[in-house]
Amino acid sequence: MEDRSLFLEEGIATQAQCFRTMGSGIDLDEY
């Protein structure tokens, strides 16, 4: 959320352009 907030505060992107994932994800069967 910190990086998202920076993009919003600096006017780089709007809220409608922003999505979040919890990292790149992992295969929970492999790990």
PDB file of all heavy atoms in Angstrom:
ATOM      1  N   MET A   1       0.807  -1.210   0.000  1.00  0.00           N
ATOM      2  CA  MET A   1       0.000   0.000   0.000  1.00  0.00           C
ATOM      3  C   MET A   1       0.845   1.268   0.000  1.00  0.00           C
ATOM      4  O   MET A   1       0.400   2.323  -0.467  1.00  0.00           O
ATOM      5  CB  MET A   1      -0.928  -0.004   1.214  1.00  0.00           C
ATOM      6  CG  MET A   1      -1.941  -1.142   1.204  1.00  0.00           C
ATOM      7  SD  MET A   1      -2.935  -1.212  -0.318  1.00  0.00           S
ATOM      8  CE  MET A   1      -3.967   0.234  -0.077  1.00  0.00           C
ATOM      9  N   GLU A   2       2.087   1.196   0.501  1.00  0.00           N
ATOM     10  CA  GLU A   2       2.945   2.383   0.514  1.00  0.00           C
ATOM     11  C   GLU A   2       3.279   2.837  -0.912  1.00  0.00           C
ATOM     12  O   GLU A   2       3.220   4.039  -1.209  1.00  0.00           O
ATOM     13  CB  GLU A   2       4.233   2.114   1.295  1.00  0.00           C
ATOM     14  CG  GLU A   2       4.039   2.012   2.797  1.00  0.00           C
ATOM     15  CD  GLU A   2       3.791   0.586   3.261  1.00  0.00           C
ATOM     16  OE1 GLU A   2       3.373  -0.258   2.414  1.00  0.00           O
ATOM     17  OE2 GLU A   2       4.007   0.305   4.447  1.00  0.00           O
ATOM     18  N   ASP A   3       3.613   1.891  -1.787  1.00  0.00           N
ATOM     19  CA  ASP A   3       3.916   2.247  -3.173  1.00  0.00           C
ATOM     20  C   ASP A   3       2.665   2.783  -3.877  1.00  0.00           C
ATOM     21  O   ASP A   3       2.745   3.744  -4.663  1.00  0.00           O
ATOM     22  CB  ASP A   3       4.454   1.028  -3.930  1.00  0.00           C
ATOM     23  CG  ASP A   3       5.844   0.616  -3.459  1.00  0.00           C
ATOM     24  OD1 ASP A   3       6.475   1.396  -2.711  1.00  0.00           O
ATOM     25  OD2 ASP A   3       6.302  -0.475  -3.829  1.00  0.00           O
ATOM     26  N   ARG A   4       1.539   2.181  -3.608  1.00  0.00           N
ATOM     27  CA  ARG A   4       0.283   2.669  -4.183  1.00  0.00           C
ATOM     28  C   ARG A   4       0.015   4.105  -3.734  1.00  0.00           C
ATOM     29  O   ARG A   4      -0.345   4.970  -4.552  1.00  0.00           O
ATOM     30  CB  ARG A   4      -0.866   1.761  -3.766  1.00  0.00           C
ATOM     31  CG  ARG A   4      -2.244   2.190  -4.268  1.00  0.00           C
ATOM     32  CD  ARG A   4      -3.299   1.210  -3.780  1.00  0.00           C
ATOM     33  NE  ARG A   4      -4.634   1.550  -4.243  1.00  0.00           N
ATOM     34  CZ  ARG A   4      -5.435   2.403  -3.615  1.00  0.00           C
ATOM     35  NH1 ARG A   4      -5.029   3.010  -2.497  1.00  0.00           N
ATOM     36  NH2 ARG A   4      -6.645   2.662  -4.103  1.00  0.00           N
ATOM     37  N   SER A   5       0.196   4.367  -2.451  1.00  0.00           N
ATOM     38  CA  SER A   5      -0.033   5.720  -1.927  1.00  0.00           C
ATOM     39  C   SER A   5       0.896   6.730  -2.579  1.00  0.00           C
ATOM     40  O   SER A   5       0.489   7.856  -2.887  1.00  0.00           O
ATOM     41  CB  SER A   5       0.162   5.730  -0.406  1.00  0.00           C
ATOM     42  OG  SER A   5      -0.811   4.941   0.224  1.00  0.00           O
ATOM     43  N   LEU A   6       2.153   6.346  -2.807  1.00  0.00           N
ATOM     44  CA  LEU A   6       3.097   7.259  -3.444  1.00  0.00           C
ATOM     45  C   LEU A   6       2.636   7.611  -4.859  1.00  0.00           C
ATOM     46  O   LEU A   6       2.665   8.791  -5.254  1.00  0.00           O
ATOM     47  CB  LEU A   6       4.493   6.630  -3.477  1.00  0.00           C
ATOM     48  CG  LEU A   6       5.629   7.517  -3.996  1.00  0.00           C
ATOM     49  CD1 LEU A   6       6.936   7.187  -3.285  1.00  0.00           C
ATOM     50  CD2 LEU A   6       5.829   7.394  -5.509  1.00  0.00           C
ATOM     51  N   PHE A   7       2.197   6.637  -5.626  1.00  0.00           N
ATOM     52  CA  PHE A   7       1.720   6.905  -6.986  1.00  0.00           C
ATOM     53  C   PHE A   7       0.501   7.818  -6.973  1.00  0.00           C
ATOM     54  O   PHE A   7       0.361   8.696  -7.835  1.00  0.00           O
ATOM     55  CB  PHE A   7       1.404   5.591  -7.703  1.00  0.00           C
ATOM     56  CG  PHE A   7       2.541   5.033  -8.497  1.00  0.00           C
ATOM     57  CD1 PHE A   7       3.790   4.821  -7.917  1.00  0.00           C
ATOM     58  CD2 PHE A   7       2.390   4.711  -9.832  1.00  0.00           C
ATOM     59  CE1 PHE A   7       4.845   4.297  -8.646  1.00  0.00           C
ATOM     60  CE2 PHE A   7       3.440   4.192 -10.581  1.00  0.00           C
ATOM     61  CZ  PHE A   7       4.682   3.988  -9.987  1.00  0.00           C
ATOM     62  N   LEU A   8      -0.381   7.639  -5.996  1.00  0.00           N
ATOM     63  CA  LEU A   8      -1.563   8.492  -5.902  1.00  0.00           C
ATOM     64  C   LEU A   8      -1.193   9.909  -5.460  1.00  0.00           C
ATOM     65  O   LEU A   8      -1.658  10.896  -6.040  1.00  0.00           O
ATOM     66  CB  LEU A   8      -2.571   7.879  -4.928  1.00  0.00           C
ATOM     67  CG  LEU A   8      -3.213   6.560  -5.365  1.00  0.00           C
ATOM     68  CD1 LEU A   8      -4.065   5.981  -4.241  1.00  0.00           C
ATOM     69  CD2 LEU A   8      -4.055   6.745  -6.622  1.00  0.00           C
ATOM     70  N   GLU A   9      -0.338  10.012  -4.453  1.00  0.00           N
ATOM     71  CA  GLU A   9       0.047  11.323  -3.934  1.00  0.00           C
ATOM     72  C   GLU A   9       0.823  12.144  -4.953  1.00  0.00           C
ATOM     73  O   GLU A   9       0.690  13.374  -5.008  1.00  0.00           O
ATOM     74  CB  GLU A   9       0.884  11.147  -2.662  1.00  0.00           C
ATOM     75  CG  GLU A   9       0.089  10.621  -1.469  1.00  0.00           C
ATOM     76  CD  GLU A   9       0.985  10.122  -0.353  1.00  0.00           C
ATOM     77  OE1 GLU A   9       2.238  10.257  -0.482  1.00  0.00           O
ATOM     78  OE2 GLU A   9       0.453   9.587   0.626  1.00  0.00           O
ATOM     79  N   GLU A  10       1.630  11.488  -5.767  1.00  0.00           N
ATOM     80  CA  GLU A  10       2.424  12.188  -6.774  1.00  0.00           C
ATOM     81  C   GLU A  10       1.651  12.434  -8.068  1.00  0.00           C
ATOM     82  O   GLU A  10       2.184  13.012  -9.015  1.00  0.00           O
ATOM     83  CB  GLU A  10       3.693  11.390  -7.095  1.00  0.00           C
ATOM     84  CG  GLU A  10       4.679  11.281  -5.940  1.00  0.00           C
ATOM     85  CD  GLU A  10       5.384  12.608  -5.639  1.00  0.00           C
ATOM     86  OE1 GLU A  10       5.248  13.552  -6.439  1.00  0.00           O
ATOM     87  OE2 GLU A  10       6.071  12.684  -4.607  1.00  0.00           O
ATOM     88  N   GLY A  11       0.395  11.996  -8.110  1.00  0.00           N
ATOM     89  CA  GLY A  11      -0.409  12.202  -9.301  1.00  0.00           C
ATOM     90  C   GLY A  11       0.008  11.348 -10.479  1.00  0.00           C
ATOM     91  O   GLY A  11      -0.272  11.688 -11.631  1.00  0.00           O
ATOM     92  N   ILE A  12       0.673  10.234 -10.206  1.00  0.00           N
ATOM     93  CA  ILE A  12       1.116   9.341 -11.287  1.00  0.00           C
ATOM     94  C   ILE A  12      -0.053   8.524 -11.813  1.00  0.00           C
ATOM     95  O   ILE A  12      -0.175   8.301 -13.022  1.00  0.00           O
ATOM     96  CB  ILE A  12       2.242   8.418 -10.789  1.00  0.00           C
ATOM     97  CG1 ILE A  12       3.480   9.244 -10.422  1.00  0.00           C
ATOM     98  CG2 ILE A  12       2.588   7.366 -11.832  1.00  0.00           C
ATOM     99  CD1 ILE A  12       4.548   8.457  -9.692  1.00  0.00           C
ATOM    100  N   ALA A  13      -0.921   8.077 -10.922  1.00  0.00           N
ATOM    101  CA  ALA A  13      -2.050   7.233 -11.301  1.00  0.00           C
ATOM    102  C   ALA A  13      -3.265   7.621 -10.474  1.00  0.00           C
ATOM    103  O   ALA A  13      -3.151   8.292  -9.437  1.00  0.00           O
ATOM    104  CB  ALA A  13      -1.708   5.758 -11.088  1.00  0.00           C
ATOM    105  N   THR A  14      -4.431   7.203 -10.940  1.00  0.00           N
ATOM    106  CA  THR A  14      -5.675   7.413 -10.202  1.00  0.00           C
ATOM    107  C   THR A  14      -6.058   6.124  -9.487  1.00  0.00           C
ATOM    108  O   THR A  14      -5.545   5.040  -9.809  1.00  0.00           O
ATOM    109  CB  THR A  14      -6.812   7.815 -11.150  1.00  0.00           C
ATOM    110  OG1 THR A  14      -7.089   6.707 -12.041  1.00  0.00           O
ATOM    111  CG2 THR A  14      -6.435   9.045 -11.975  1.00  0.00           C
ATOM    112  N   GLN A  15      -6.972   6.222  -8.546  1.00  0.00           N
ATOM    113  CA  GLN A  15      -7.408   5.024  -7.822  1.00  0.00           C
ATOM    114  C   GLN A  15      -7.996   3.981  -8.762  1.00  0.00           C
ATOM    115  O   GLN A  15      -7.808   2.781  -8.562  1.00  0.00           O
ATOM    116  CB  GLN A  15      -8.433   5.410  -6.753  1.00  0.00           C
ATOM    117  CG  GLN A  15      -7.836   6.183  -5.594  1.00  0.00           C
ATOM    118  CD  GLN A  15      -8.774   6.288  -4.416  1.00  0.00           C
ATOM    119  OE1 GLN A  15      -9.666   5.467  -4.249  1.00  0.00           O
ATOM    120  NE2 GLN A  15      -8.565   7.308  -3.583  1.00  0.00           N
ATOM    121  N   ALA A  16      -8.695   4.444  -9.813  1.00  0.00           N
ATOM    122  CA  ALA A  16      -9.320   3.506 -10.747  1.00  0.00           C
ATOM    123  C   ALA A  16      -8.292   2.701 -11.532  1.00  0.00           C
ATOM    124  O   ALA A  16      -8.597   1.622 -12.047  1.00  0.00           O
ATOM    125  CB  ALA A  16     -10.229   4.263 -11.708  1.00  0.00           C
ATOM    126  N   GLN A  17      -7.066   3.204 -11.617  1.00  0.00           N
ATOM    127  CA  GLN A  17      -6.011   2.496 -12.345  1.00  0.00           C
ATOM    128  C   GLN A  17      -5.264   1.495 -11.477  1.00  0.00           C
ATOM    129  O   GLN A  17      -4.447   0.731 -11.995  1.00  0.00           O
ATOM    130  CB  GLN A  17      -4.991   3.500 -12.899  1.00  0.00           C
ATOM    131  CG  GLN A  17      -5.510   4.390 -14.019  1.00  0.00           C
ATOM    132  CD  GLN A  17      -4.469   5.415 -14.422  1.00  0.00           C
ATOM    133  OE1 GLN A  17      -4.139   6.324 -13.646  1.00  0.00           O
ATOM    134  NE2 GLN A  17      -3.927   5.276 -15.621  1.00  0.00           N
ATOM    135  N   CYS A  18      -5.498   1.498 -10.177  1.00  0.00           N
ATOM    136  CA  CYS A  18      -4.650   0.758  -9.236  1.00  0.00           C
ATOM    137  C   CYS A  18      -5.273  -0.554  -8.785  1.00  0.00           C
ATOM    138  O   CYS A  18      -6.435  -0.614  -8.385  1.00  0.00           O
ATOM    139  CB  CYS A  18      -4.368   1.625  -8.002  1.00  0.00           C
ATOM    140  SG  CYS A  18      -3.433   3.134  -8.377  1.00  0.00           S
ATOM    141  N   PHE A  19      -4.461  -1.594  -8.821  1.00  0.00           N
ATOM    142  CA  PHE A  19      -4.816  -2.902  -8.291  1.00  0.00           C
ATOM    143  C   PHE A  19      -3.689  -3.371  -7.386  1.00  0.00           C
ATOM    144  O   PHE A  19      -2.567  -2.880  -7.475  1.00  0.00           O
ATOM    145  CB  PHE A  19      -5.018  -3.917  -9.425  1.00  0.00           C
ATOM    146  CG  PHE A  19      -6.202  -3.621 -10.291  1.00  0.00           C
ATOM    147  CD1 PHE A  19      -6.105  -2.701 -11.334  1.00  0.00           C
ATOM    148  CD2 PHE A  19      -7.413  -4.255 -10.066  1.00  0.00           C
ATOM    149  CE1 PHE A  19      -7.206  -2.425 -12.133  1.00  0.00           C
ATOM    150  CE2 PHE A  19      -8.514  -3.987 -10.868  1.00  0.00           C
ATOM    151  CZ  PHE A  19      -8.407  -3.068 -11.902  1.00  0.00           C
ATOM    152  N   ARG A  20      -4.011  -4.330  -6.530  1.00  0.00           N
ATOM    153  CA  ARG A  20      -2.972  -4.861  -5.644  1.00  0.00           C
ATOM    154  C   ARG A  20      -2.995  -6.377  -5.642  1.00  0.00           C
ATOM    155  O   ARG A  20      -4.066  -6.998  -5.640  1.00  0.00           O
ATOM    156  CB  ARG A  20      -3.172  -4.360  -4.208  1.00  0.00           C
ATOM    157  CG  ARG A  20      -2.019  -4.805  -3.298  1.00  0.00           C
ATOM    158  CD  ARG A  20      -2.275  -4.524  -1.843  1.00  0.00           C
ATOM    159  NE  ARG A  20      -1.129  -4.923  -1.047  1.00  0.00           N
ATOM    160  CZ  ARG A  20      -1.160  -5.069   0.260  1.00  0.00           C
ATOM    161  NH1 ARG A  20      -2.267  -4.851   0.941  1.00  0.00           N
ATOM    162  NH2 ARG A  20      -0.080  -5.439   0.922  1.00  0.00           N
ATOM    163  N   THR A  21      -1.825  -6.978  -5.663  1.00  0.00           N
ATOM    164  CA  THR A  21      -1.670  -8.404  -5.401  1.00  0.00           C
ATOM    165  C   THR A  21      -0.698  -8.552  -4.235  1.00  0.00           C
ATOM    166  O   THR A  21       0.173  -7.714  -4.038  1.00  0.00           O
ATOM    167  CB  THR A  21      -1.124  -9.174  -6.614  1.00  0.00           C
ATOM    168  OG1 THR A  21       0.212  -8.727  -6.900  1.00  0.00           O
ATOM    169  CG2 THR A  21      -2.009  -8.981  -7.831  1.00  0.00           C
ATOM    170  N   MET A  22      -0.855  -9.625  -3.476  1.00  0.00           N
ATOM    171  CA  MET A  22       0.069  -9.892  -2.373  1.00  0.00           C
ATOM    172  C   MET A  22       1.327 -10.558  -2.934  1.00  0.00           C
ATOM    173  O   MET A  22       1.514 -11.770  -2.867  1.00  0.00           O
ATOM    174  CB  MET A  22      -0.597 -10.761  -1.321  1.00  0.00           C
ATOM    175  CG  MET A  22      -1.690 -10.045  -0.548  1.00  0.00           C
ATOM    176  SD  MET A  22      -1.055  -8.742   0.548  1.00  0.00           S
ATOM    177  CE  MET A  22      -0.433  -9.730   1.906  1.00  0.00           C
ATOM    178  N   GLY A  23       2.167  -9.736  -3.549  1.00  0.00           N
ATOM    179  CA  GLY A  23       3.387 -10.242  -4.153  1.00  0.00           C
ATOM    180  C   GLY A  23       3.117 -10.903  -5.489  1.00  0.00           C
ATOM    181  O   GLY A  23       2.073 -10.694  -6.115  1.00  0.00           O
ATOM    182  N   SER A  24       4.065 -11.718  -5.927  1.00  0.00           N
ATOM    183  CA  SER A  24       3.959 -12.399  -7.215  1.00  0.00           C
ATOM    184  C   SER A  24       3.217 -13.718  -7.104  1.00  0.00           C
ATOM    185  O   SER A  24       2.961 -14.370  -8.118  1.00  0.00           O
ATOM    186  CB  SER A  24       5.363 -12.663  -7.779  1.00  0.00           C
ATOM    187  OG  SER A  24       6.086 -11.462  -7.901  1.00  0.00           O
ATOM    188  N   GLY A  25       2.878 -14.118  -5.868  1.00  0.00           N
ATOM    189  CA  GLY A  25       2.209 -15.390  -5.668  1.00  0.00           C
ATOM    190  C   GLY A  25       3.174 -16.566  -5.776  1.00  0.00           C
ATOM    191  O   GLY A  25       4.229 -16.459  -6.411  1.00  0.00           O
ATOM    192  N   ILE A  26       2.813 -17.659  -5.146  1.00  0.00           N
ATOM    193  CA  ILE A  26       3.619 -18.880  -5.247  1.00  0.00           C
ATOM    194  C   ILE A  26       2.703 -20.093  -5.362  1.00  0.00           C
ATOM    195  O   ILE A  26       1.530 -20.049  -4.984  1.00  0.00           O
ATOM    196  CB  ILE A  26       4.569 -19.069  -4.052  1.00  0.00           C
ATOM    197  CG1 ILE A  26       3.803 -19.095  -2.724  1.00  0.00           C
ATOM    198  CG2 ILE A  26       5.635 -18.016  -4.018  1.00  0.00           C
ATOM    199  CD1 ILE A  26       4.670 -19.476  -1.552  1.00  0.00           C
ATOM    200  N   ASP A  27       3.268 -21.141  -5.885  1.00  0.00           N
ATOM    201  CA  ASP A  27       2.561 -22.413  -5.984  1.00  0.00           C
ATOM    202  C   ASP A  27       2.636 -23.086  -4.614  1.00  0.00           C
ATOM    203  O   ASP A  27       3.697 -23.580  -4.207  1.00  0.00           O
ATOM    204  CB  ASP A  27       3.222 -23.281  -7.054  1.00  0.00           C
ATOM    205  CG  ASP A  27       2.492 -24.596  -7.283  1.00  0.00           C
ATOM    206  OD1 ASP A  27       1.780 -25.059  -6.377  1.00  0.00           O
ATOM    207  OD2 ASP A  27       2.674 -25.182  -8.370  1.00  0.00           O
ATOM    208  N   LEU A  28       1.514 -23.109  -3.922  1.00  0.00           N
ATOM    209  CA  LEU A  28       1.493 -23.634  -2.558  1.00  0.00           C
ATOM    210  C   LEU A  28       1.634 -25.151  -2.514  1.00  0.00           C
ATOM    211  O   LEU A  28       1.894 -25.718  -1.443  1.00  0.00           O
ATOM    212  CB  LEU A  28       0.215 -23.194  -1.848  1.00  0.00           C
ATOM    213  CG  LEU A  28       0.131 -21.693  -1.553  1.00  0.00           C
ATOM    214  CD1 LEU A  28      -1.277 -21.297  -1.132  1.00  0.00           C
ATOM    215  CD2 LEU A  28       1.136 -21.296  -0.477  1.00  0.00           C
ATOM    216  N   ASP A  29       1.471 -25.815  -3.657  1.00  0.00           N
ATOM    217  CA  ASP A  29       1.741 -27.258  -3.704  1.00  0.00           C
ATOM    218  C   ASP A  29       3.242 -27.508  -3.807  1.00  0.00           C
ATOM    219  O   ASP A  29       3.788 -28.418  -3.170  1.00  0.00           O
ATOM    220  CB  ASP A  29       1.022 -27.895  -4.895  1.00  0.00           C
ATOM    221  CG  ASP A  29      -0.482 -27.882  -4.720  1.00  0.00           C
ATOM    222  OD1 ASP A  29      -0.947 -28.000  -3.572  1.00  0.00           O
ATOM    223  OD2 ASP A  29      -1.194 -27.742  -5.735  1.00  0.00           O
ATOM    224  N   GLU A  30       3.909 -26.702  -4.626  1.00  0.00           N
ATOM    225  CA  GLU A  30       5.364 -26.838  -4.730  1.00  0.00           C
ATOM    226  C   GLU A  30       6.029 -26.435  -3.420  1.00  0.00           C
ATOM    227  O   GLU A  30       6.905 -27.149  -2.908  1.00  0.00           O
ATOM    228  CB  GLU A  30       5.892 -25.966  -5.874  1.00  0.00           C
ATOM    229  CG  GLU A  30       7.407 -26.032  -6.031  1.00  0.00           C
ATOM    230  CD  GLU A  30       7.927 -25.120  -7.128  1.00  0.00           C
ATOM    231  OE1 GLU A  30       7.128 -24.355  -7.719  1.00  0.00           O
ATOM    232  OE2 GLU A  30       9.158 -25.155  -7.382  1.00  0.00           O
ATOM    233  N   TYR A  31       5.627 -25.288  -2.879  1.00  0.00           N
ATOM    234  CA  TYR A  31       6.161 -24.814  -1.595  1.00  0.00           C
ATOM    235  C   TYR A  31       5.244 -25.314  -0.487  1.00  0.00           C
ATOM    236  O   TYR A  31       4.522 -24.558   0.152  1.00  0.00           O
ATOM    237  CB  TYR A  31       6.272 -23.294  -1.593  1.00  0.00           C
ATOM    238  CG  TYR A  31       7.404 -22.794  -2.460  1.00  0.00           C
ATOM    239  CD1 TYR A  31       7.235 -22.604  -3.828  1.00  0.00           C
ATOM    240  CD2 TYR A  31       8.658 -22.533  -1.914  1.00  0.00           C
ATOM    241  CE1 TYR A  31       8.274 -22.167  -4.628  1.00  0.00           C
ATOM    242  CE2 TYR A  31       9.710 -22.094  -2.715  1.00  0.00           C
ATOM    243  CZ  TYR A  31       9.505 -21.924  -4.066  1.00  0.00           C
ATOM    244  OH  TYR A  31      10.546 -21.489  -4.858  1.00  0.00           O
TER     245      TYR A  31
END
